[in-house]
C-alpha atoms as a PDB file:
ATOM      1  CA  MET A   1     113.471  94.646 116.227  1.00  0.00           C
ATOM      2  CA  ARG A   2     110.285  96.428 116.567  1.00  0.00           C
ATOM      3  CA  PRO A   3     110.348 100.219 116.042  1.00  0.00           C
ATOM      4  CA  ASN A   4     109.027 103.129 118.469  1.00  0.00           C
ATOM      5  CA  THR A   5     106.760 101.141 121.117  1.00  0.00           C
ATOM      6  CA  GLY A   6     105.243 104.404 121.647  1.00  0.00           C
ATOM      7  CA  LEU A   7     103.065 104.865 118.539  1.00  0.00           C
ATOM      8  CA  ILE A   8      99.675 106.048 119.566  1.00  0.00           C
ATOM      9  CA  ILE A   9      96.389 104.963 117.292  1.00  0.00           C
ATOM     10  CA  ILE A  10      93.554 107.426 116.510  1.00  0.00           C
ATOM     11  CA  ALA A  11      90.371 105.949 114.759  1.00  0.00           C
ATOM     12  CA  ILE A  12      89.431 108.371 112.115  1.00  0.00           C
ATOM     13  CA  ALA A  13      85.712 107.703 111.790  1.00  0.00           C
ATOM     14  CA  PHE A  14      84.363 106.468 115.106  1.00  0.00           C
ATOM     15  CA  LEU A  15      81.142 105.342 116.207  1.00  0.00           C
ATOM     16  CA  THR A  16      79.001 107.566 119.228  1.00  0.00           C
ATOM     17  CA  PHE A  17      75.788 106.538 120.977  1.00  0.00           C
ATOM     18  CA  GLY A  18      73.178 109.141 120.506  1.00  0.00           C
ATOM     19  CA  SER A  19      69.903 109.272 123.398  1.00  0.00           C
ATOM     20  CA  ALA A  20      68.070 106.953 121.991  1.00  0.00           C
ATOM     21  CA  GLY A  21      71.011 104.264 121.902  1.00  0.00           C
ATOM     22  CA  ALA A  22      71.434 103.868 118.145  1.00  0.00           C
ATOM     23  CA  ALA A  23      74.974 103.977 116.815  1.00  0.00           C
ATOM     24  CA  GLU A  24      76.030 107.078 114.776  1.00  0.00           C
ATOM     25  CA  GLN A  25      79.198 107.098 112.637  1.00  0.00           C
ATOM     26  CA  ARG A  26      81.126 110.211 112.810  1.00  0.00           C
ATOM     27  CA  GLN A  27      83.172 111.696 110.263  1.00  0.00           C
ATOM     28  CA  ILE A  28      87.060 113.757 111.092  1.00  0.00           C
ATOM     29  CA  THR A  29      88.214 115.199 108.487  1.00  0.00           C
ATOM     30  CA  SER A  30      92.021 114.570 107.803  1.00  0.00           C
ATOM     31  CA  ARG A  31      94.519 116.523 105.659  1.00  0.00           C
ATOM     32  CA  ILE A  32      96.800 114.245 105.182  1.00  0.00           C
ATOM     33  CA  THR A  33      97.008 112.589 101.700  1.00  0.00           C
ATOM     34  CA  ARG A  34      96.660 109.226 101.261  1.00  0.00           C
ATOM     35  CA  GLN A  35      98.584 107.495  98.180  1.00  0.00           C
ATOM     36  CA  PRO A  36      96.955 104.461  96.921  1.00  0.00           C
ATOM     37  CA  VAL A  37      99.076 101.549  97.476  1.00  0.00           C
ATOM     38  CA  HIS A  38      98.858  97.551  95.921  1.00  0.00           C
ATOM     39  CA  SER A  39      97.788  95.226  98.657  1.00  0.00           C
ATOM     40  CA  HIS A  40      95.427  92.872  99.645  1.00  0.00           C
ATOM     41  CA  ALA A  41      94.707  94.852 102.989  1.00  0.00           C
ATOM     42  CA  LEU A  42      95.859  98.420 102.705  1.00  0.00           C
ATOM     43  CA  ALA A  43      94.399 100.413 100.170  1.00  0.00           C
ATOM     44  CA  ALA A  44      96.379 104.114 100.420  1.00  0.00           C
ATOM     45  CA  ILE A  45      98.815 105.766 102.999  1.00  0.00           C
ATOM     46  CA  GLY A  46      99.795 109.028 103.873  1.00  0.00           C
ATOM     47  CA  TYR A  47     102.322 110.605 106.189  1.00  0.00           C
ATOM     48  CA  SER A  48     102.614 114.079 107.654  1.00  0.00           C
ATOM     49  CA  LYS A  49     106.351 115.333 108.307  1.00  0.00           C
ATOM     50  CA  GLN A  50     104.870 117.893 110.636  1.00  0.00           C
ATOM     51  CA  LEU A  51     102.657 115.905 112.920  1.00  0.00           C
ATOM     52  CA  HIS A  52     105.175 112.869 112.370  1.00  0.00           C
ATOM     53  CA  ALA A  53     101.608 110.935 111.759  1.00  0.00           C
ATOM     54  CA  LEU A  54     101.217 107.796 109.582  1.00  0.00           C
ATOM     55  CA  GLU A  55      97.220 107.621 107.969  1.00  0.00           C
ATOM     56  CA  VAL A  56      96.414 104.290 106.842  1.00  0.00           C
ATOM     57  CA  GLU A  57      93.226 103.314 105.029  1.00  0.00           C
ATOM     58  CA  PHE A  58      92.514  99.580 104.741  1.00  0.00           C
ATOM     59  CA  VAL A  59      90.185  97.880 101.746  1.00  0.00           C
ATOM     60  CA  ASN A  60      87.142  97.716 104.023  1.00  0.00           C
ATOM     61  CA  GLY A  61      86.954 101.839 104.385  1.00  0.00           C
ATOM     62  CA  ALA A  62      88.332 101.816 108.090  1.00  0.00           C
ATOM     63  CA  ILE A  63      91.332 104.555 108.379  1.00  0.00           C
ATOM     64  CA  TYR A  64      94.016 104.705 111.233  1.00  0.00           C
ATOM     65  CA  ARG A  65      96.157 107.278 112.093  1.00  0.00           C
ATOM     66  CA  TYR A  66      99.602 106.725 114.016  1.00  0.00           C
ATOM     67  CA  SER A  67     101.260 109.256 115.934  1.00  0.00           C
ATOM     68  CA  ASN A  68     104.593 109.610 116.475  1.00  0.00           C
ATOM     69  CA  VAL A  69     106.079 107.319 113.623  1.00  0.00           C
ATOM     70  CA  PRO A  70     109.602 108.307 112.565  1.00  0.00           C
ATOM     71  CA  PRO A  71     109.547 108.904 108.557  1.00  0.00           C
ATOM     72  CA  GLU A  72     111.903 105.933 107.993  1.00  0.00           C
ATOM     73  CA  ILE A  73     108.823 103.465 109.084  1.00  0.00           C
ATOM     74  CA  TYR A  74     106.519 105.421 106.190  1.00  0.00           C
ATOM     75  CA  ARG A  75     109.324 105.063 104.006  1.00  0.00           C
ATOM     76  CA  ASP A  76     109.941 101.337 104.382  1.00  0.00           C
ATOM     77  CA  LEU A  77     106.073 100.539 104.441  1.00  0.00           C
ATOM     78  CA  LEU A  78     105.716 102.211 100.875  1.00  0.00           C
ATOM     79  CA  GLY A  79     108.865 100.280  99.447  1.00  0.00           C
ATOM     80  CA  ALA A  80     107.958  97.222 101.090  1.00  0.00           C
ATOM     81  CA  PRO A  81     107.105  93.928  98.547  1.00  0.00           C
ATOM     82  CA  SER A  82     104.604  93.169 100.955  1.00  0.00           C
ATOM     83  CA  LYS A  83     102.625  96.112 102.524  1.00  0.00           C
ATOM     84  CA  ALA A  84     100.572  94.179 104.694  1.00  0.00           C
ATOM     85  CA  GLN A  85     103.305  91.871 106.034  1.00  0.00           C
ATOM     86  CA  PHE A  86     105.330  95.137 106.843  1.00  0.00           C
ATOM     87  CA  TYR A  87     102.494  96.811 108.349  1.00  0.00           C
ATOM     88  CA  ASP A  88     101.538  93.858 110.630  1.00  0.00           C
ATOM     89  CA  ALA A  89     105.305  93.563 111.838  1.00  0.00           C
ATOM     90  CA  ASN A  90     106.353  97.035 112.506  1.00  0.00           C
ATOM     91  CA  VAL A  91     103.137  99.216 112.758  1.00  0.00           C
END
């Protein structure tokens, strides 16, 4: 069974387009501390109890923030034998 279906995804780094049409990457600062994990796809994971926000950093450098995530999802993700499989199935 899939957990909370009301998750909202926010990309931490995203592209904007200037007047010349060239893409520029704009960085958003996050105060959520992420800890490194052993995974072929995920580099680090962080969670804010106050915001109920999960941040996932991928090995390619992309960082995503998910809102309205119960703390159990974060705990189970950290403890999962395969972080990538847990992420794919539950987040």
